[in-house]
Amino acid sequence: EIGDSEAIFTFDVARFSSRATSAGSAEELE
């Protein structure tokens, strides 16, 4: 938690694809 912002630390972004984009699959995020 940094101010009003939130961040997730990871070695594999595919696990958190729903957090990273409002729409689209993990492949799209990739």
Full PDB file with SEQRES, HELIX, SHEET, SSBOND, CRYST1, ORIGX, SCALE, CONECT and MASTER records, all heavy atoms in Angstrom:
SEQRES   1 A   30  GLU ILE GLY ASP SER GLU ALA ILE PHE THR PHE ASP VAL          
SEQRES   2 A   30  ALA ARG PHE SER SER ARG ALA THR SER ALA GLY SER ALA          
SEQRES   3 A   30  GLU GLU LEU GLU                                              
HELIX    1 AA1 VAL A   13  PHE A   16  5                                   4    
HELIX    2 AA2 SER A   17  ALA A   20  1                                   4    
HELIX    3 AA3 ALA A   26  LEU A   29  1                                   4    
CRYST1    1.000    1.000    1.000  90.00  90.00  90.00 P 1           1          
ORIGX1      1.000000  0.000000  0.000000        0.00000                         
ORIGX2      0.000000  1.000000  0.000000        0.00000                         
ORIGX3      0.000000  0.000000  1.000000        0.00000                         
SCALE1      1.000000  0.000000  0.000000        0.00000                         
SCALE2      0.000000  1.000000  0.000000        0.00000                         
SCALE3      0.000000  0.000000  1.000000        0.00000                         
ATOM      1  N   GLU A   1       0.855  -1.189   0.000  1.00  0.00           N  
ATOM      2  CA  GLU A   1       0.000   0.000   0.000  1.00  0.00           C  
ATOM      3  C   GLU A   1       0.890   1.238   0.000  1.00  0.00           C  
ATOM      4  O   GLU A   1       1.705   1.447   0.909  1.00  0.00           O  
ATOM      5  CB  GLU A   1      -0.905  -0.003   1.233  1.00  0.00           C  
ATOM      6  CG  GLU A   1      -1.926  -1.136   1.220  1.00  0.00           C  
ATOM      7  CD  GLU A   1      -2.765  -1.158   2.483  1.00  0.00           C  
ATOM      8  OE1 GLU A   1      -3.265  -0.095   2.875  1.00  0.00           O  
ATOM      9  OE2 GLU A   1      -2.883  -2.252   3.069  1.00  0.00           O  
ATOM     10  N   ILE A   2       0.725   2.066  -1.047  1.00  0.00           N  
ATOM     11  CA  ILE A   2       1.502   3.298  -1.212  1.00  0.00           C  
ATOM     12  C   ILE A   2       0.503   4.428  -1.374  1.00  0.00           C  
ATOM     13  O   ILE A   2      -0.087   4.616  -2.453  1.00  0.00           O  
ATOM     14  CB  ILE A   2       2.429   3.212  -2.438  1.00  0.00           C  
ATOM     15  CG1 ILE A   2       3.320   1.976  -2.352  1.00  0.00           C  
ATOM     16  CG2 ILE A   2       3.288   4.465  -2.564  1.00  0.00           C  
ATOM     17  CD1 ILE A   2       4.068   1.661  -3.635  1.00  0.00           C  
ATOM     18  N   GLY A   3       0.238   5.186  -0.320  1.00  0.00           N  
ATOM     19  CA  GLY A   3      -0.808   6.200  -0.358  1.00  0.00           C  
ATOM     20  C   GLY A   3      -2.149   5.533  -0.570  1.00  0.00           C  
ATOM     21  O   GLY A   3      -2.521   4.590   0.133  1.00  0.00           O  
ATOM     22  N   ASP A   4      -2.914   6.030  -1.558  1.00  0.00           N  
ATOM     23  CA  ASP A   4      -4.201   5.430  -1.900  1.00  0.00           C  
ATOM     24  C   ASP A   4      -4.058   4.374  -2.986  1.00  0.00           C  
ATOM     25  O   ASP A   4      -5.050   3.883  -3.514  1.00  0.00           O  
ATOM     26  CB  ASP A   4      -5.179   6.520  -2.359  1.00  0.00           C  
ATOM     27  CG  ASP A   4      -5.707   7.335  -1.184  1.00  0.00           C  
ATOM     28  OD1 ASP A   4      -5.703   6.807  -0.032  1.00  0.00           O  
ATOM     29  OD2 ASP A   4      -6.095   8.490  -1.405  1.00  0.00           O  
ATOM     30  N   SER A   5      -2.805   4.071  -3.362  1.00  0.00           N  
ATOM     31  CA  SER A   5      -2.566   3.098  -4.425  1.00  0.00           C  
ATOM     32  C   SER A   5      -2.158   1.762  -3.814  1.00  0.00           C  
ATOM     33  O   SER A   5      -1.619   1.691  -2.706  1.00  0.00           O  
ATOM     34  CB  SER A   5      -1.473   3.594  -5.378  1.00  0.00           C  
ATOM     35  OG  SER A   5      -1.819   4.849  -5.929  1.00  0.00           O  
ATOM     36  N   GLU A   6      -2.411   0.712  -4.601  1.00  0.00           N  
ATOM     37  CA  GLU A   6      -2.094  -0.635  -4.141  1.00  0.00           C  
ATOM     38  C   GLU A   6      -1.276  -1.337  -5.220  1.00  0.00           C  
ATOM     39  O   GLU A   6      -1.534  -1.195  -6.407  1.00  0.00           O  
ATOM     40  CB  GLU A   6      -3.399  -1.402  -3.877  1.00  0.00           C  
ATOM     41  CG  GLU A   6      -3.205  -2.803  -3.307  1.00  0.00           C  
ATOM     42  CD  GLU A   6      -4.533  -3.487  -3.043  1.00  0.00           C  
ATOM     43  OE1 GLU A   6      -5.154  -3.182  -2.011  1.00  0.00           O  
ATOM     44  OE2 GLU A   6      -4.955  -4.292  -3.902  1.00  0.00           O  
ATOM     45  N   ALA A   7      -0.271  -2.100  -4.778  1.00  0.00           N  
ATOM     46  CA  ALA A   7       0.590  -2.803  -5.722  1.00  0.00           C  
ATOM     47  C   ALA A   7       0.767  -4.246  -5.275  1.00  0.00           C  
ATOM     48  O   ALA A   7       0.742  -4.548  -4.082  1.00  0.00           O  
ATOM     49  CB  ALA A   7       1.945  -2.123  -5.820  1.00  0.00           C  
ATOM     50  N   ILE A   8       0.918  -5.146  -6.240  1.00  0.00           N  
ATOM     51  CA  ILE A   8       1.159  -6.555  -5.964  1.00  0.00           C  
ATOM     52  C   ILE A   8       2.533  -6.915  -6.518  1.00  0.00           C  
ATOM     53  O   ILE A   8       2.859  -6.606  -7.676  1.00  0.00           O  
ATOM     54  CB  ILE A   8       0.089  -7.454  -6.608  1.00  0.00           C  
ATOM     55  CG1 ILE A   8      -1.284  -7.142  -6.012  1.00  0.00           C  
ATOM     56  CG2 ILE A   8       0.430  -8.924  -6.405  1.00  0.00           C  
ATOM     57  CD1 ILE A   8      -2.412  -7.886  -6.683  1.00  0.00           C  
ATOM     58  N   PHE A   9       3.345  -7.554  -5.669  1.00  0.00           N  
ATOM     59  CA  PHE A   9       4.669  -8.008  -6.087  1.00  0.00           C  
ATOM     60  C   PHE A   9       4.558  -9.468  -6.506  1.00  0.00           C  
ATOM     61  O   PHE A   9       4.023 -10.300  -5.774  1.00  0.00           O  
ATOM     62  CB  PHE A   9       5.658  -7.871  -4.930  1.00  0.00           C  
ATOM     63  CG  PHE A   9       7.010  -8.420  -5.231  1.00  0.00           C  
ATOM     64  CD1 PHE A   9       7.936  -7.686  -5.957  1.00  0.00           C  
ATOM     65  CD2 PHE A   9       7.370  -9.705  -4.824  1.00  0.00           C  
ATOM     66  CE1 PHE A   9       9.186  -8.204  -6.251  1.00  0.00           C  
ATOM     67  CE2 PHE A   9       8.609 -10.226  -5.115  1.00  0.00           C  
ATOM     68  CZ  PHE A   9       9.514  -9.471  -5.829  1.00  0.00           C  
ATOM     69  N   THR A  10       5.066  -9.788  -7.698  1.00  0.00           N  
ATOM     70  CA  THR A  10       4.947 -11.164  -8.195  1.00  0.00           C  
ATOM     71  C   THR A  10       6.075 -11.488  -9.153  1.00  0.00           C  
ATOM     72  O   THR A  10       6.720 -10.596  -9.724  1.00  0.00           O  
ATOM     73  CB  THR A  10       3.594 -11.365  -8.909  1.00  0.00           C  
ATOM     74  OG1 THR A  10       3.485 -12.719  -9.332  1.00  0.00           O  
ATOM     75  CG2 THR A  10       3.484 -10.447 -10.124  1.00  0.00           C  
ATOM     76  N   PHE A  11       6.310 -12.816  -9.311  1.00  0.00           N  
ATOM     77  CA  PHE A  11       7.248 -13.293 -10.316  1.00  0.00           C  
ATOM     78  C   PHE A  11       6.520 -13.799 -11.564  1.00  0.00           C  
ATOM     79  O   PHE A  11       7.156 -14.143 -12.556  1.00  0.00           O  
ATOM     80  CB  PHE A  11       8.117 -14.428  -9.748  1.00  0.00           C  
ATOM     81  CG  PHE A  11       9.003 -14.004  -8.608  1.00  0.00           C  
ATOM     82  CD1 PHE A  11       8.683 -14.337  -7.305  1.00  0.00           C  
ATOM     83  CD2 PHE A  11      10.136 -13.247  -8.851  1.00  0.00           C  
ATOM     84  CE1 PHE A  11       9.504 -13.939  -6.248  1.00  0.00           C  
ATOM     85  CE2 PHE A  11      10.951 -12.846  -7.807  1.00  0.00           C  
ATOM     86  CZ  PHE A  11      10.636 -13.189  -6.490  1.00  0.00           C  
ATOM     87  N   ASP A  12       5.145 -13.861 -11.492  1.00  0.00           N  
ATOM     88  CA  ASP A  12       4.354 -14.399 -12.597  1.00  0.00           C  
ATOM     89  C   ASP A  12       3.091 -13.556 -12.743  1.00  0.00           C  
ATOM     90  O   ASP A  12       2.136 -13.702 -11.983  1.00  0.00           O  
ATOM     91  CB  ASP A  12       3.996 -15.856 -12.327  1.00  0.00           C  
ATOM     92  CG  ASP A  12       3.317 -16.510 -13.515  1.00  0.00           C  
ATOM     93  OD1 ASP A  12       3.118 -15.830 -14.551  1.00  0.00           O  
ATOM     94  OD2 ASP A  12       2.970 -17.696 -13.405  1.00  0.00           O  
ATOM     95  N   VAL A  13       3.058 -12.635 -13.713  1.00  0.00           N  
ATOM     96  CA  VAL A  13       1.921 -11.728 -13.860  1.00  0.00           C  
ATOM     97  C   VAL A  13       0.665 -12.451 -14.300  1.00  0.00           C  
ATOM     98  O   VAL A  13      -0.446 -11.953 -14.118  1.00  0.00           O  
ATOM     99  CB  VAL A  13       2.250 -10.605 -14.873  1.00  0.00           C  
ATOM    100  CG1 VAL A  13       3.308  -9.693 -14.329  1.00  0.00           C  
ATOM    101  CG2 VAL A  13       2.646 -11.177 -16.211  1.00  0.00           C  
ATOM    102  N   ALA A  14       0.822 -13.635 -14.872  1.00  0.00           N  
ATOM    103  CA  ALA A  14      -0.362 -14.354 -15.360  1.00  0.00           C  
ATOM    104  C   ALA A  14      -1.313 -14.690 -14.216  1.00  0.00           C  
ATOM    105  O   ALA A  14      -2.529 -14.802 -14.404  1.00  0.00           O  
ATOM    106  CB  ALA A  14       0.055 -15.625 -16.087  1.00  0.00           C  
ATOM    107  N   ARG A  15      -0.771 -14.865 -13.018  1.00  0.00           N  
ATOM    108  CA  ARG A  15      -1.607 -15.195 -11.860  1.00  0.00           C  
ATOM    109  C   ARG A  15      -2.555 -14.062 -11.494  1.00  0.00           C  
ATOM    110  O   ARG A  15      -3.565 -14.260 -10.849  1.00  0.00           O  
ATOM    111  CB  ARG A  15      -0.721 -15.505 -10.655  1.00  0.00           C  
ATOM    112  CG  ARG A  15       0.117 -16.769 -10.791  1.00  0.00           C  
ATOM    113  CD  ARG A  15       0.986 -16.948  -9.564  1.00  0.00           C  
ATOM    114  NE  ARG A  15       0.181 -16.882  -8.350  1.00  0.00           N  
ATOM    115  CZ  ARG A  15       0.654 -16.566  -7.146  1.00  0.00           C  
ATOM    116  NH1 ARG A  15       1.927 -16.248  -7.015  1.00  0.00           N  
ATOM    117  NH2 ARG A  15      -0.142 -16.537  -6.088  1.00  0.00           N  
ATOM    118  N   PHE A  16      -2.203 -12.812 -11.892  1.00  0.00           N  
ATOM    119  CA  PHE A  16      -2.982 -11.650 -11.465  1.00  0.00           C  
ATOM    120  C   PHE A  16      -3.514 -10.873 -12.666  1.00  0.00           C  
ATOM    121  O   PHE A  16      -3.647  -9.661 -12.628  1.00  0.00           O  
ATOM    122  CB  PHE A  16      -2.107 -10.728 -10.609  1.00  0.00           C  
ATOM    123  CG  PHE A  16      -1.536 -11.402  -9.395  1.00  0.00           C  
ATOM    124  CD1 PHE A  16      -0.264 -11.954  -9.430  1.00  0.00           C  
ATOM    125  CD2 PHE A  16      -2.283 -11.488  -8.237  1.00  0.00           C  
ATOM    126  CE1 PHE A  16       0.259 -12.579  -8.313  1.00  0.00           C  
ATOM    127  CE2 PHE A  16      -1.755 -12.110  -7.108  1.00  0.00           C  
ATOM    128  CZ  PHE A  16      -0.486 -12.658  -7.140  1.00  0.00           C  
ATOM    129  N   SER A  17      -3.821 -11.585 -13.740  1.00  0.00           N  
ATOM    130  CA  SER A  17      -4.241 -10.897 -14.961  1.00  0.00           C  
ATOM    131  C   SER A  17      -5.503 -10.103 -14.757  1.00  0.00           C  
ATOM    132  O   SER A  17      -5.689  -9.038 -15.337  1.00  0.00           O  
ATOM    133  CB  SER A  17      -4.434 -11.909 -16.090  1.00  0.00           C  
ATOM    134  OG  SER A  17      -5.419 -12.869 -15.712  1.00  0.00           O  
ATOM    135  N   SER A  18      -6.411 -10.565 -13.925  1.00  0.00           N  
ATOM    136  CA  SER A  18      -7.667  -9.834 -13.715  1.00  0.00           C  
ATOM    137  C   SER A  18      -7.431  -8.530 -12.993  1.00  0.00           C  
ATOM    138  O   SER A  18      -8.184  -7.574 -13.135  1.00  0.00           O  
ATOM    139  CB  SER A  18      -8.653 -10.696 -12.915  1.00  0.00           C  
ATOM    140  OG  SER A  18      -8.089 -10.999 -11.643  1.00  0.00           O  
ATOM    141  N   ARG A  19      -6.359  -8.456 -12.219  1.00  0.00           N  
ATOM    142  CA  ARG A  19      -6.041  -7.212 -11.522  1.00  0.00           C  
ATOM    143  C   ARG A  19      -5.417  -6.195 -12.476  1.00  0.00           C  
ATOM    144  O   ARG A  19      -5.580  -5.011 -12.301  1.00  0.00           O  
ATOM    145  CB  ARG A  19      -5.007  -7.495 -10.426  1.00  0.00           C  
ATOM    146  CG  ARG A  19      -5.548  -8.334  -9.287  1.00  0.00           C  
ATOM    147  CD  ARG A  19      -5.835  -7.471  -8.101  1.00  0.00           C  
ATOM    148  NE  ARG A  19      -6.072  -8.236  -6.910  1.00  0.00           N  
ATOM    149  CZ  ARG A  19      -5.960  -7.742  -5.698  1.00  0.00           C  
ATOM    150  NH1 ARG A  19      -5.585  -6.496  -5.535  1.00  0.00           N  
ATOM    151  NH2 ARG A  19      -6.237  -8.466  -4.652  1.00  0.00           N  
ATOM    152  N   ALA A  20      -4.732  -6.723 -13.451  1.00  0.00           N  
ATOM    153  CA  ALA A  20      -3.943  -5.818 -14.278  1.00  0.00           C  
ATOM    154  C   ALA A  20      -4.727  -5.175 -15.395  1.00  0.00           C  
ATOM    155  O   ALA A  20      -4.321  -4.167 -15.927  1.00  0.00           O  
ATOM    156  CB  ALA A  20      -2.765  -6.575 -14.872  1.00  0.00           C  
ATOM    157  N   THR A  21      -5.879  -5.757 -15.778  1.00  0.00           N  
ATOM    158  CA  THR A  21      -6.642  -5.170 -16.875  1.00  0.00           C  
ATOM    159  C   THR A  21      -8.121  -5.389 -16.646  1.00  0.00           C  
ATOM    160  O   THR A  21      -8.536  -6.358 -16.035  1.00  0.00           O  
ATOM    161  CB  THR A  21      -6.220  -5.779 -18.224  1.00  0.00           C  
ATOM    162  OG1 THR A  21      -6.984  -5.195 -19.240  1.00  0.00           O  
ATOM    163  CG2 THR A  21      -6.404  -7.287 -18.252  1.00  0.00           C  
ATOM    164  N   SER A  22      -8.885  -4.481 -17.074  1.00  0.00           N  
ATOM    165  CA  SER A  22     -10.335  -4.578 -16.877  1.00  0.00           C  
ATOM    166  C   SER A  22     -10.963  -5.565 -17.830  1.00  0.00           C  
ATOM    167  O   SER A  22     -12.063  -6.020 -17.617  1.00  0.00           O  
ATOM    168  CB  SER A  22     -10.970  -3.198 -17.060  1.00  0.00           C  
ATOM    169  OG  SER A  22     -10.666  -2.696 -18.345  1.00  0.00           O  
ATOM    170  N   ALA A  23     -10.323  -5.890 -18.892  1.00  0.00           N  
ATOM    171  CA  ALA A  23     -10.871  -6.845 -19.859  1.00  0.00           C  
ATOM    172  C   ALA A  23      -9.733  -7.529 -20.556  1.00  0.00           C  
ATOM    173  O   ALA A  23      -8.635  -7.003 -20.682  1.00  0.00           O  
ATOM    174  CB  ALA A  23     -11.764  -6.131 -20.877  1.00  0.00           C  
ATOM    175  N   GLY A  24      -9.977  -8.756 -21.040  1.00  0.00           N  
ATOM    176  CA  GLY A  24      -8.948  -9.462 -21.790  1.00  0.00           C  
ATOM    177  C   GLY A  24      -8.387 -10.614 -21.009  1.00  0.00           C  
ATOM    178  O   GLY A  24      -8.437 -10.672 -19.791  1.00  0.00           O  
ATOM    179  N   SER A  25      -7.846 -11.570 -21.709  1.00  0.00           N  
ATOM    180  CA  SER A  25      -7.302 -12.776 -21.119  1.00  0.00           C  
ATOM    181  C   SER A  25      -5.884 -12.552 -20.642  1.00  0.00           C  
ATOM    182  O   SER A  25      -5.281 -11.514 -20.852  1.00  0.00           O  
ATOM    183  CB  SER A  25      -7.312 -13.889 -22.164  1.00  0.00           C  
ATOM    184  OG  SER A  25      -6.434 -13.530 -23.212  1.00  0.00           O  
ATOM    185  N   ALA A  26      -5.341 -13.582 -19.991  1.00  0.00           N  
ATOM    186  CA  ALA A  26      -3.950 -13.512 -19.549  1.00  0.00           C  
ATOM    187  C   ALA A  26      -3.018 -13.368 -20.738  1.00  0.00           C  
ATOM    188  O   ALA A  26      -2.001 -12.692 -20.674  1.00  0.00           O  
ATOM    189  CB  ALA A  26      -3.600 -14.765 -18.759  1.00  0.00           C  
ATOM    190  N   GLU A  27      -3.368 -14.029 -21.860  1.00  0.00           N  
ATOM    191  CA  GLU A  27      -2.519 -13.911 -23.046  1.00  0.00           C  
ATOM    192  C   GLU A  27      -2.479 -12.479 -23.563  1.00  0.00           C  
ATOM    193  O   GLU A  27      -1.453 -11.966 -23.980  1.00  0.00           O  
ATOM    194  CB  GLU A  27      -3.026 -14.849 -24.152  1.00  0.00           C  
ATOM    195  CG  GLU A  27      -2.770 -16.326 -23.875  1.00  0.00           C  
ATOM    196  CD  GLU A  27      -3.757 -16.871 -22.844  1.00  0.00           C  
ATOM    197  OE1 GLU A  27      -4.795 -16.224 -22.625  1.00  0.00           O  
ATOM    198  OE2 GLU A  27      -3.465 -17.923 -22.245  1.00  0.00           O  
ATOM    199  N   GLU A  28      -3.704 -11.806 -23.495  1.00  0.00           N  
ATOM    200  CA  GLU A  28      -3.736 -10.399 -23.916  1.00  0.00           C  
ATOM    201  C   GLU A  28      -2.880  -9.544 -22.995  1.00  0.00           C  
ATOM    202  O   GLU A  28      -2.158  -8.654 -23.434  1.00  0.00           O  
ATOM    203  CB  GLU A  28      -5.181  -9.894 -23.914  1.00  0.00           C  
ATOM    204  CG  GLU A  28      -6.050 -10.508 -24.989  1.00  0.00           C  
ATOM    205  CD  GLU A  28      -7.497 -10.119 -24.825  1.00  0.00           C  
ATOM    206  OE1 GLU A  28      -7.958  -9.950 -23.693  1.00  0.00           O  
ATOM    207  OE2 GLU A  28      -8.160  -9.965 -25.851  1.00  0.00           O  
ATOM    208  N   LEU A  29      -2.985  -9.829 -21.704  1.00  0.00           N  
ATOM    209  CA  LEU A  29      -2.172  -9.081 -20.742  1.00  0.00           C  
ATOM    210  C   LEU A  29      -0.688  -9.298 -21.025  1.00  0.00           C  
ATOM    211  O   LEU A  29       0.108  -8.379 -20.986  1.00  0.00           O  
ATOM    212  CB  LEU A  29      -2.502  -9.554 -19.323  1.00  0.00           C  
ATOM    213  CG  LEU A  29      -1.617  -8.995 -18.196  1.00  0.00           C  
ATOM    214  CD1 LEU A  29      -1.867  -7.512 -18.029  1.00  0.00           C  
ATOM    215  CD2 LEU A  29      -1.879  -9.726 -16.896  1.00  0.00           C  
ATOM    216  N   GLU A  30      -0.353 -10.570 -21.329  1.00  0.00           N  
ATOM    217  CA  GLU A  30       1.037 -10.902 -21.577  1.00  0.00           C  
ATOM    218  C   GLU A  30       1.618 -10.062 -22.715  1.00  0.00           C  
ATOM    219  O   GLU A  30       2.672  -9.475 -22.595  1.00  0.00           O  
ATOM    220  CB  GLU A  30       1.123 -12.390 -21.947  1.00  0.00           C  
ATOM    221  CG  GLU A  30       2.530 -12.932 -22.042  1.00  0.00           C  
ATOM    222  CD  GLU A  30       3.031 -13.427 -20.701  1.00  0.00           C  
ATOM    223  OE1 GLU A  30       2.377 -13.138 -19.684  1.00  0.00           O  
ATOM    224  OE2 GLU A  30       4.073 -14.084 -20.676  1.00  0.00           O  
TER     225      GLU A  30                                                      
MASTER        0    0    0    3    0    0    0    6  224    1    0    3          
END                                                                             
